[in-house]
Amino acid sequence: MKRIPQISILAVAALLIASAAAQEAPPAAGAPGGRQGFGRGRGRANRPPAGPTPRLPENPLLGVNSGKPDFGGKGMWQVPYIIDMQKQGKTPEGGTVEVPFTAEAKKIFDERTENHSKDDPEGFCLPPGVPRMMYTPYPTQIYQLADRILFIYEGGAHIWRIIWMDGRQHPKDPNPTFLGDAIGHWEGDTLVVDTVGFNNETWLDAAGHPHGEKLHVIERYTRTDSNTLQVAATIEDPDYYTKPWTVVTTATWAPGQELLEYICQENNRDLKHLVGK
């Protein structure tokens, strides 16, 4: 039986270092999120031409409908590898992203750039957080249930995320977590996800854009055709940014594909090799 090996800290470091040049590279044509499915590549060869967005009676189908598991066809979303959301993402208008750093945030970001992101929490097998879950190059599946939408991620500690769609509000004092407290609603054909209640143990991307516990993220998921999922993430954190800012990326449908087992553990023995500068 073929086994999927445990990912090592050294492998994470090598991936980041080998891909540093990609921070300067322009996104692929038609893909504002950059290189699609970097590090995986599964599901590309047999992808049919893009067709109309599949739909449920009330809303677009973003993945798989739990009431009819085969509705829309089996598959998963290939997530792009976004190292630097400023350089690889776009604004909603298609322009260049300008990050409105506070002085303290710019200092932190510059330090992380100088030391080659050696303290990246994801390199320590911690969850990537939000919106970085959609910037880490491992696929995801989306399940639409009656009262919630469920994201299952292959990578990023192999975890899941629940988007509550039952009309509830955020708790007044949420317990800080890696993925926060997420509630959603539909605006036309776009799923809008509002998330608060984050801890401060994640980075927004591999380049090291920081945030704190006041982070508020609004994501807008739009399936523009059968093969394309546009993800627009608006970042608001008054301690780190002077105003809200938005980054748009895309994920690509891989029909007939399923997630693989992924294991990343803390206290990895390769940790000593992640030395940075």
C-alpha atoms as a PDB file:
ATOM      1  CA  MET A   1       0.000   0.000   0.000  1.00  0.00           C
ATOM      2  CA  LYS A   2       1.350   3.383  -0.979  1.00  0.00           C
ATOM      3  CA  ARG A   3       1.704   5.711   2.002  1.00  0.00           C
ATOM      4  CA  ILE A   4       1.689   9.487   2.021  1.00  0.00           C
ATOM      5  CA  PRO A   5       4.811  10.585   3.938  1.00  0.00           C
ATOM      6  CA  GLN A   6       4.773  13.037   6.804  1.00  0.00           C
ATOM      7  CA  ILE A   7       5.753  16.487   5.627  1.00  0.00           C
ATOM      8  CA  SER A   8       8.866  17.855   7.276  1.00  0.00           C
ATOM      9  CA  ILE A   9       9.875  21.325   8.361  1.00  0.00           C
ATOM     10  CA  LEU A  10      12.833  21.028   5.995  1.00  0.00           C
ATOM     11  CA  ALA A  11      10.468  20.334   3.122  1.00  0.00           C
ATOM     12  CA  VAL A  12       8.422  23.394   3.984  1.00  0.00           C
ATOM     13  CA  ALA A  13      11.560  25.528   4.116  1.00  0.00           C
ATOM     14  CA  ALA A  14      12.815  24.175   0.807  1.00  0.00           C
ATOM     15  CA  LEU A  15       9.463  24.879  -0.808  1.00  0.00           C
ATOM     16  CA  LEU A  16       9.470  28.475   0.386  1.00  0.00           C
ATOM     17  CA  ILE A  17      13.086  29.107  -0.610  1.00  0.00           C
ATOM     18  CA  ALA A  18      12.772  27.443  -4.016  1.00  0.00           C
ATOM     19  CA  SER A  19       9.668  29.503  -4.744  1.00  0.00           C
ATOM     20  CA  ALA A  20      10.981  32.880  -3.588  1.00  0.00           C
ATOM     21  CA  ALA A  21      11.360  34.038  -7.162  1.00  0.00           C
ATOM     22  CA  ALA A  22       7.649  33.492  -7.685  1.00  0.00           C
ATOM     23  CA  GLN A  23       6.953  36.517  -5.520  1.00  0.00           C
ATOM     24  CA  GLU A  24       8.140  38.649  -8.428  1.00  0.00           C
ATOM     25  CA  ALA A  25       6.498  36.586 -11.161  1.00  0.00           C
ATOM     26  CA  PRO A  26       3.184  37.781 -12.671  1.00  0.00           C
ATOM     27  CA  PRO A  27       0.141  35.533 -12.271  1.00  0.00           C
ATOM     28  CA  ALA A  28      -0.660  33.092 -15.021  1.00  0.00           C
ATOM     29  CA  ALA A  29      -3.039  34.329 -17.678  1.00  0.00           C
ATOM     30  CA  GLY A  30      -6.610  34.181 -16.490  1.00  0.00           C
ATOM     31  CA  ALA A  31      -5.518  33.312 -12.967  1.00  0.00           C
ATOM     32  CA  PRO A  32      -5.241  36.360 -10.687  1.00  0.00           C
ATOM     33  CA  GLY A  33      -4.362  34.041  -7.854  1.00  0.00           C
ATOM     34  CA  GLY A  34      -1.091  32.957  -9.395  1.00  0.00           C
ATOM     35  CA  ARG A  35       0.045  29.404 -10.194  1.00  0.00           C
ATOM     36  CA  GLN A  36      -2.849  27.025  -9.868  1.00  0.00           C
ATOM     37  CA  GLY A  37      -2.342  23.961  -7.716  1.00  0.00           C
ATOM     38  CA  PHE A  38       1.390  24.501  -7.286  1.00  0.00           C
ATOM     39  CA  GLY A  39       3.026  21.446  -5.755  1.00  0.00           C
ATOM     40  CA  ARG A  40       0.148  19.156  -6.662  1.00  0.00           C
ATOM     41  CA  GLY A  41      -1.023  19.345 -10.234  1.00  0.00           C
ATOM     42  CA  ARG A  42      -3.662  16.645  -9.728  1.00  0.00           C
ATOM     43  CA  GLY A  43      -6.783  16.929 -11.826  1.00  0.00           C
ATOM     44  CA  ARG A  44      -5.534  19.272 -14.540  1.00  0.00           C
ATOM     45  CA  ALA A  45      -5.132  16.938 -17.505  1.00  0.00           C
ATOM     46  CA  ASN A  46      -8.763  15.793 -17.797  1.00  0.00           C
ATOM     47  CA  ARG A  47     -10.515  19.052 -16.921  1.00  0.00           C
ATOM     48  CA  PRO A  48     -13.326  19.691 -19.426  1.00  0.00           C
ATOM     49  CA  PRO A  49     -13.797  23.133 -20.981  1.00  0.00           C
ATOM     50  CA  ALA A  50     -15.497  25.633 -18.698  1.00  0.00           C
ATOM     51  CA  GLY A  51     -19.263  25.574 -18.819  1.00  0.00           C
ATOM     52  CA  PRO A  52     -22.061  27.377 -16.995  1.00  0.00           C
ATOM     53  CA  THR A  53     -21.940  27.546 -13.208  1.00  0.00           C
ATOM     54  CA  PRO A  54     -23.798  24.507 -11.799  1.00  0.00           C
ATOM     55  CA  ARG A  55     -26.734  25.507  -9.634  1.00  0.00           C
ATOM     56  CA  LEU A  56     -28.961  24.314  -6.844  1.00  0.00           C
ATOM     57  CA  PRO A  57     -32.578  25.542  -6.881  1.00  0.00           C
ATOM     58  CA  GLU A  58     -31.744  28.605  -4.766  1.00  0.00           C
ATOM     59  CA  ASN A  59     -27.991  29.189  -5.147  1.00  0.00           C
ATOM     60  CA  PRO A  60     -24.928  28.252  -7.180  1.00  0.00           C
ATOM     61  CA  LEU A  61     -23.276  24.941  -6.373  1.00  0.00           C
ATOM     62  CA  LEU A  62     -19.831  25.653  -4.903  1.00  0.00           C
ATOM     63  CA  GLY A  63     -18.841  22.023  -4.515  1.00  0.00           C
ATOM     64  CA  VAL A  64     -20.971  19.066  -3.510  1.00  0.00           C
ATOM     65  CA  ASN A  65     -24.549  19.154  -2.236  1.00  0.00           C
ATOM     66  CA  SER A  66     -24.850  16.854   0.781  1.00  0.00           C
ATOM     67  CA  GLY A  67     -28.434  15.908  -0.054  1.00  0.00           C
ATOM     68  CA  LYS A  68     -27.326  14.598  -3.440  1.00  0.00           C
ATOM     69  CA  PRO A  69     -23.615  13.738  -3.128  1.00  0.00           C
ATOM     70  CA  ASP A  70     -23.161  13.146  -6.862  1.00  0.00           C
ATOM     71  CA  PHE A  71     -24.936  16.336  -7.886  1.00  0.00           C
ATOM     72  CA  GLY A  72     -22.507  18.492  -9.822  1.00  0.00           C
ATOM     73  CA  GLY A  73     -20.027  15.646 -10.082  1.00  0.00           C
ATOM     74  CA  LYS A  74     -17.283  14.610  -7.697  1.00  0.00           C
ATOM     75  CA  GLY A  75     -14.222  16.799  -7.494  1.00  0.00           C
ATOM     76  CA  MET A  76     -12.200  19.292  -5.506  1.00  0.00           C
ATOM     77  CA  TRP A  77     -10.817  22.803  -5.811  1.00  0.00           C
ATOM     78  CA  GLN A  78      -7.143  23.212  -6.668  1.00  0.00           C
ATOM     79  CA  VAL A  79      -5.951  26.088  -4.465  1.00  0.00           C
ATOM     80  CA  PRO A  80      -3.197  28.395  -5.789  1.00  0.00           C
ATOM     81  CA  TYR A  81       0.071  28.807  -3.941  1.00  0.00           C
ATOM     82  CA  ILE A  82       0.006  32.417  -2.797  1.00  0.00           C
ATOM     83  CA  ILE A  83       3.306  33.331  -1.174  1.00  0.00           C
ATOM     84  CA  ASP A  84       2.689  37.080  -1.120  1.00  0.00           C
ATOM     85  CA  MET A  85      -0.949  38.157  -1.356  1.00  0.00           C
ATOM     86  CA  GLN A  86       0.058  41.688  -2.347  1.00  0.00           C
ATOM     87  CA  LYS A  87       2.169  40.586  -5.320  1.00  0.00           C
ATOM     88  CA  GLN A  88       0.126  37.601  -6.486  1.00  0.00           C
ATOM     89  CA  GLY A  89      -3.389  38.832  -5.790  1.00  0.00           C
ATOM     90  CA  LYS A  90      -5.408  41.561  -7.478  1.00  0.00           C
ATOM     91  CA  THR A  91      -7.873  44.202  -6.326  1.00  0.00           C
ATOM     92  CA  PRO A  92     -11.573  43.687  -7.201  1.00  0.00           C
ATOM     93  CA  GLU A  93     -10.972  46.062 -10.119  1.00  0.00           C
ATOM     94  CA  GLY A  94      -8.037  43.981 -11.357  1.00  0.00           C
ATOM     95  CA  GLY A  95      -5.337  46.361 -10.174  1.00  0.00           C
ATOM     96  CA  THR A  96      -2.283  46.016  -7.956  1.00  0.00           C
ATOM     97  CA  VAL A  97      -2.885  45.476  -4.247  1.00  0.00           C
ATOM     98  CA  GLU A  98      -1.562  48.218  -1.959  1.00  0.00           C
ATOM     99  CA  VAL A  99      -1.216  47.152   1.681  1.00  0.00           C
ATOM    100  CA  PRO A 100      -2.087  49.987   4.112  1.00  0.00           C
ATOM    101  CA  PHE A 101       0.377  49.004   6.856  1.00  0.00           C
ATOM    102  CA  THR A 102       0.524  50.715  10.211  1.00  0.00           C
ATOM    103  CA  ALA A 103       4.091  51.524  11.260  1.00  0.00           C
ATOM    104  CA  GLU A 104       4.200  48.538  13.634  1.00  0.00           C
ATOM    105  CA  ALA A 105       2.841  46.131  10.991  1.00  0.00           C
ATOM    106  CA  LYS A 106       5.383  47.308   8.421  1.00  0.00           C
ATOM    107  CA  LYS A 107       8.180  46.734  10.920  1.00  0.00           C
ATOM    108  CA  ILE A 108       6.984  43.173  11.591  1.00  0.00           C
ATOM    109  CA  PHE A 109       6.574  42.429   7.890  1.00  0.00           C
ATOM    110  CA  ASP A 110      10.042  43.758   7.064  1.00  0.00           C
ATOM    111  CA  GLU A 111      11.590  41.611   9.812  1.00  0.00           C
ATOM    112  CA  ARG A 112       9.901  38.504   8.445  1.00  0.00           C
ATOM    113  CA  THR A 113      11.134  39.353   4.952  1.00  0.00           C
ATOM    114  CA  GLU A 114      14.684  39.839   6.241  1.00  0.00           C
ATOM    115  CA  ASN A 115      14.785  36.476   8.033  1.00  0.00           C
ATOM    116  CA  HIS A 116      13.137  34.578   5.147  1.00  0.00           C
ATOM    117  CA  SER A 117       9.947  33.782   7.097  1.00  0.00           C
ATOM    118  CA  LYS A 118      11.842  31.380   9.347  1.00  0.00           C
ATOM    119  CA  ASP A 119       9.192  31.648  12.089  1.00  0.00           C
ATOM    120  CA  ASP A 120       6.233  30.945   9.803  1.00  0.00           C
ATOM    121  CA  PRO A 121       3.634  29.153  12.002  1.00  0.00           C
ATOM    122  CA  GLU A 122       2.647  26.870   9.135  1.00  0.00           C
ATOM    123  CA  GLY A 123       6.232  25.598   9.124  1.00  0.00           C
ATOM    124  CA  PHE A 124       5.534  24.435  12.688  1.00  0.00           C
ATOM    125  CA  CYS A 125       2.468  22.470  11.520  1.00  0.00           C
ATOM    126  CA  LEU A 126      -0.013  25.023  12.839  1.00  0.00           C
ATOM    127  CA  PRO A 127      -3.177  25.798  10.819  1.00  0.00           C
ATOM    128  CA  PRO A 128      -2.653  28.548   8.213  1.00  0.00           C
ATOM    129  CA  GLY A 129      -5.680  30.553   9.334  1.00  0.00           C
ATOM    130  CA  VAL A 130      -7.928  32.812   7.241  1.00  0.00           C
ATOM    131  CA  PRO A 131      -7.696  33.786   4.426  1.00  0.00           C
ATOM    132  CA  ARG A 132      -4.463  31.796   4.090  1.00  0.00           C
ATOM    133  CA  MET A 133      -6.321  28.473   4.030  1.00  0.00           C
ATOM    134  CA  MET A 134      -7.167  29.408   0.420  1.00  0.00           C
ATOM    135  CA  TYR A 135      -3.554  30.358  -0.352  1.00  0.00           C
ATOM    136  CA  THR A 136      -1.875  27.099   0.708  1.00  0.00           C
ATOM    137  CA  PRO A 137      -1.239  24.750  -2.259  1.00  0.00           C
ATOM    138  CA  TYR A 138      -3.377  21.832  -1.179  1.00  0.00           C
ATOM    139  CA  PRO A 139      -6.903  21.214  -2.495  1.00  0.00           C
ATOM    140  CA  THR A 140     -10.193  21.670  -0.687  1.00  0.00           C
ATOM    141  CA  GLN A 141     -13.728  20.338  -0.985  1.00  0.00           C
ATOM    142  CA  ILE A 142     -16.866  22.352  -0.237  1.00  0.00           C
ATOM    143  CA  TYR A 143     -20.095  20.738   0.989  1.00  0.00           C
ATOM    144  CA  GLN A 144     -23.373  22.682   1.046  1.00  0.00           C
ATOM    145  CA  LEU A 145     -25.708  21.561   3.820  1.00  0.00           C
ATOM    146  CA  ALA A 146     -29.060  22.953   4.870  1.00  0.00           C
ATOM    147  CA  ASP A 147     -27.764  25.099   7.737  1.00  0.00           C
ATOM    148  CA  ARG A 148     -24.016  25.316   7.089  1.00  0.00           C
ATOM    149  CA  ILE A 149     -21.291  25.117   4.464  1.00  0.00           C
ATOM    150  CA  LEU A 150     -18.373  22.833   5.225  1.00  0.00           C
ATOM    151  CA  PHE A 151     -14.844  23.336   3.890  1.00  0.00           C
ATOM    152  CA  ILE A 152     -12.511  20.339   4.160  1.00  0.00           C
ATOM    153  CA  TYR A 153      -8.827  21.102   3.534  1.00  0.00           C
ATOM    154  CA  GLU A 154      -6.273  18.489   2.519  1.00  0.00           C
ATOM    155  CA  GLY A 155      -3.321  20.530   3.761  1.00  0.00           C
ATOM    156  CA  GLY A 156      -2.846  23.117   6.463  1.00  0.00           C
ATOM    157  CA  ALA A 157      -3.050  20.530   9.276  1.00  0.00           C
ATOM    158  CA  HIS A 158      -5.828  18.603   7.449  1.00  0.00           C
ATOM    159  CA  ILE A 159      -8.705  20.437   9.125  1.00  0.00           C
ATOM    160  CA  TRP A 160     -12.229  21.594   8.400  1.00  0.00           C
ATOM    161  CA  ARG A 161     -14.089  24.882   8.623  1.00  0.00           C
ATOM    162  CA  ILE A 162     -17.789  25.447   9.285  1.00  0.00           C
ATOM    163  CA  ILE A 163     -19.629  28.445   7.827  1.00  0.00           C
ATOM    164  CA  TRP A 164     -22.938  28.793   9.670  1.00  0.00           C
ATOM    165  CA  MET A 165     -25.842  29.712   7.369  1.00  0.00           C
ATOM    166  CA  ASP A 166     -28.694  29.560   9.904  1.00  0.00           C
ATOM    167  CA  GLY A 167     -28.967  33.297  10.597  1.00  0.00           C
ATOM    168  CA  ARG A 168     -26.997  33.313  13.851  1.00  0.00           C
ATOM    169  CA  GLN A 169     -24.815  36.252  14.894  1.00  0.00           C
ATOM    170  CA  HIS A 170     -21.230  36.193  16.144  1.00  0.00           C
ATOM    171  CA  PRO A 171     -20.842  35.608  19.900  1.00  0.00           C
ATOM    172  CA  LYS A 172     -20.192  38.839  21.798  1.00  0.00           C
ATOM    173  CA  ASP A 173     -16.898  37.535  23.183  1.00  0.00           C
ATOM    174  CA  PRO A 174     -15.694  34.683  20.934  1.00  0.00           C
ATOM    175  CA  ASN A 175     -12.977  32.347  22.106  1.00  0.00           C
ATOM    176  CA  PRO A 176      -9.961  33.122  19.859  1.00  0.00           C
ATOM    177  CA  THR A 177      -9.183  30.265  17.467  1.00  0.00           C
ATOM    178  CA  PHE A 178      -7.079  29.656  14.356  1.00  0.00           C
ATOM    179  CA  LEU A 179     -10.060  29.830  11.965  1.00  0.00           C
ATOM    180  CA  GLY A 180     -12.313  32.147  13.977  1.00  0.00           C
ATOM    181  CA  ASP A 181     -16.106  32.215  14.143  1.00  0.00           C
ATOM    182  CA  ALA A 182     -17.632  32.269  10.645  1.00  0.00           C
ATOM    183  CA  ILE A 183     -21.187  33.110   9.576  1.00  0.00           C
ATOM    184  CA  GLY A 184     -22.374  33.379   5.998  1.00  0.00           C
ATOM    185  CA  HIS A 185     -25.149  34.507   3.706  1.00  0.00           C
ATOM    186  CA  TRP A 186     -25.802  34.795  -0.016  1.00  0.00           C
ATOM    187  CA  GLU A 187     -25.697  38.052  -1.936  1.00  0.00           C
ATOM    188  CA  GLY A 188     -27.046  37.044  -5.319  1.00  0.00           C
ATOM    189  CA  ASP A 189     -24.730  34.311  -6.586  1.00  0.00           C
ATOM    190  CA  THR A 190     -21.931  35.172  -4.143  1.00  0.00           C
ATOM    191  CA  LEU A 191     -21.364  33.464  -0.790  1.00  0.00           C
ATOM    192  CA  VAL A 192     -20.329  36.107   1.749  1.00  0.00           C
ATOM    193  CA  VAL A 193     -18.455  34.798   4.795  1.00  0.00           C
ATOM    194  CA  ASP A 194     -17.912  37.078   7.812  1.00  0.00           C
ATOM    195  CA  THR A 195     -15.297  35.848  10.309  1.00  0.00           C
ATOM    196  CA  VAL A 196     -14.058  37.243  13.643  1.00  0.00           C
ATOM    197  CA  GLY A 197     -12.610  35.730  16.814  1.00  0.00           C
ATOM    198  CA  PHE A 198      -9.112  34.880  15.614  1.00  0.00           C
ATOM    199  CA  ASN A 199      -6.077  34.186  17.732  1.00  0.00           C
ATOM    200  CA  ASN A 200      -2.810  35.918  16.803  1.00  0.00           C
ATOM    201  CA  GLU A 201      -0.871  32.736  15.986  1.00  0.00           C
ATOM    202  CA  THR A 202      -1.194  32.804  12.186  1.00  0.00           C
ATOM    203  CA  TRP A 203       0.103  34.897   9.287  1.00  0.00           C
ATOM    204  CA  LEU A 204      -2.074  36.124   6.441  1.00  0.00           C
ATOM    205  CA  ASP A 205       0.331  34.586   3.919  1.00  0.00           C
ATOM    206  CA  ALA A 206       3.772  32.986   3.670  1.00  0.00           C
ATOM    207  CA  ALA A 207       5.407  36.381   3.131  1.00  0.00           C
ATOM    208  CA  GLY A 208       4.418  37.323   6.682  1.00  0.00           C
ATOM    209  CA  HIS A 209       1.636  39.910   6.499  1.00  0.00           C
ATOM    210  CA  PRO A 210       0.663  40.110  10.181  1.00  0.00           C
ATOM    211  CA  HIS A 211      -2.598  40.380  12.110  1.00  0.00           C
ATOM    212  CA  GLY A 212      -3.854  40.348  15.682  1.00  0.00           C
ATOM    213  CA  GLU A 213      -6.973  39.272  17.554  1.00  0.00           C
ATOM    214  CA  LYS A 214      -8.965  42.209  16.149  1.00  0.00           C
ATOM    215  CA  LEU A 215      -8.741  40.701  12.667  1.00  0.00           C
ATOM    216  CA  HIS A 216     -12.041  40.776  10.773  1.00  0.00           C
ATOM    217  CA  VAL A 217     -12.151  38.971   7.414  1.00  0.00           C
ATOM    218  CA  ILE A 218     -14.980  39.130   4.879  1.00  0.00           C
ATOM    219  CA  GLU A 219     -14.649  36.588   2.070  1.00  0.00           C
ATOM    220  CA  ARG A 220     -16.720  36.580  -1.090  1.00  0.00           C
ATOM    221  CA  TYR A 221     -16.863  33.258  -2.987  1.00  0.00           C
ATOM    222  CA  THR A 222     -18.190  33.421  -6.559  1.00  0.00           C
ATOM    223  CA  ARG A 223     -18.218  30.460  -8.937  1.00  0.00           C
ATOM    224  CA  THR A 224     -17.914  32.325 -12.213  1.00  0.00           C
ATOM    225  CA  ASP A 225     -18.128  29.166 -14.351  1.00  0.00           C
ATOM    226  CA  SER A 226     -17.917  25.414 -13.836  1.00  0.00           C
ATOM    227  CA  ASN A 227     -14.116  25.497 -13.507  1.00  0.00           C
ATOM    228  CA  THR A 228     -13.450  28.724 -11.603  1.00  0.00           C
ATOM    229  CA  LEU A 229     -13.990  29.881  -8.018  1.00  0.00           C
ATOM    230  CA  GLN A 230     -13.151  33.535  -7.377  1.00  0.00           C
ATOM    231  CA  VAL A 231     -12.198  34.353  -3.787  1.00  0.00           C
ATOM    232  CA  ALA A 232     -12.129  37.983  -2.638  1.00  0.00           C
ATOM    233  CA  ALA A 233     -10.846  38.477   0.923  1.00  0.00           C
ATOM    234  CA  THR A 234     -11.205  41.833   2.677  1.00  0.00           C
ATOM    235  CA  ILE A 235      -8.836  42.333   5.609  1.00  0.00           C
ATOM    236  CA  GLU A 236      -9.678  44.664   8.484  1.00  0.00           C
ATOM    237  CA  ASP A 237      -7.450  44.974  11.557  1.00  0.00           C
ATOM    238  CA  PRO A 238      -7.044  48.474  13.046  1.00  0.00           C
ATOM    239  CA  ASP A 239      -3.883  47.509  14.946  1.00  0.00           C
ATOM    240  CA  TYR A 240      -2.051  46.487  11.776  1.00  0.00           C
ATOM    241  CA  TYR A 241      -3.703  48.273   8.837  1.00  0.00           C
ATOM    242  CA  THR A 242      -4.955  51.827   8.479  1.00  0.00           C
ATOM    243  CA  LYS A 243      -8.000  50.793   6.430  1.00  0.00           C
ATOM    244  CA  PRO A 244      -9.624  47.635   5.020  1.00  0.00           C
ATOM    245  CA  TRP A 245      -8.002  46.128   1.912  1.00  0.00           C
ATOM    246  CA  THR A 246      -9.080  43.402  -0.480  1.00  0.00           C
ATOM    247  CA  VAL A 247      -7.215  40.646  -2.339  1.00  0.00           C
ATOM    248  CA  VAL A 248      -8.779  38.596  -5.151  1.00  0.00           C
ATOM    249  CA  THR A 249      -7.485  35.116  -6.104  1.00  0.00           C
ATOM    250  CA  THR A 250      -8.957  32.093  -7.885  1.00  0.00           C
ATOM    251  CA  ALA A 251      -9.167  28.336  -7.374  1.00  0.00           C
ATOM    252  CA  THR A 252      -9.702  25.818 -10.198  1.00  0.00           C
ATOM    253  CA  TRP A 253     -12.041  22.821 -10.289  1.00  0.00           C
ATOM    254  CA  ALA A 254     -10.469  19.359 -10.533  1.00  0.00           C
ATOM    255  CA  PRO A 255     -13.296  16.991 -11.570  1.00  0.00           C
ATOM    256  CA  GLY A 256     -13.342  13.450 -10.259  1.00  0.00           C
ATOM    257  CA  GLN A 257     -10.518  14.078  -7.793  1.00  0.00           C
ATOM    258  CA  GLU A 258     -10.554  13.358  -4.056  1.00  0.00           C
ATOM    259  CA  LEU A 259      -8.483  14.652  -1.159  1.00  0.00           C
ATOM    260  CA  LEU A 260      -5.490  12.629   0.033  1.00  0.00           C
ATOM    261  CA  GLU A 261      -4.316  11.990   3.568  1.00  0.00           C
ATOM    262  CA  TYR A 262      -1.980  14.701   4.811  1.00  0.00           C
ATOM    263  CA  ILE A 263      -0.052  14.599   8.087  1.00  0.00           C
ATOM    264  CA  CYS A 264       1.950  17.373   9.679  1.00  0.00           C
ATOM    265  CA  GLN A 265       3.026  17.071  13.297  1.00  0.00           C
ATOM    266  CA  GLU A 266       4.499  19.435  15.842  1.00  0.00           C
ATOM    267  CA  ASN A 267       7.966  18.810  17.346  1.00  0.00           C
ATOM    268  CA  ASN A 268       9.342  17.795  13.967  1.00  0.00           C
ATOM    269  CA  ARG A 269      12.974  16.671  14.083  1.00  0.00           C
ATOM    270  CA  ASP A 270      13.850  18.790  11.045  1.00  0.00           C
ATOM    271  CA  LEU A 271      13.014  21.984  12.909  1.00  0.00           C
ATOM    272  CA  LYS A 272      16.702  22.711  13.572  1.00  0.00           C
ATOM    273  CA  HIS A 273      17.294  23.028   9.819  1.00  0.00           C
ATOM    274  CA  LEU A 274      14.891  25.970   9.509  1.00  0.00           C
ATOM    275  CA  VAL A 275      17.446  28.569  10.500  1.00  0.00           C
ATOM    276  CA  GLY A 276      16.738  31.526   8.206  1.00  0.00           C
ATOM    277  CA  LYS A 277      19.181  34.362   8.039  1.00  0.00           C
END
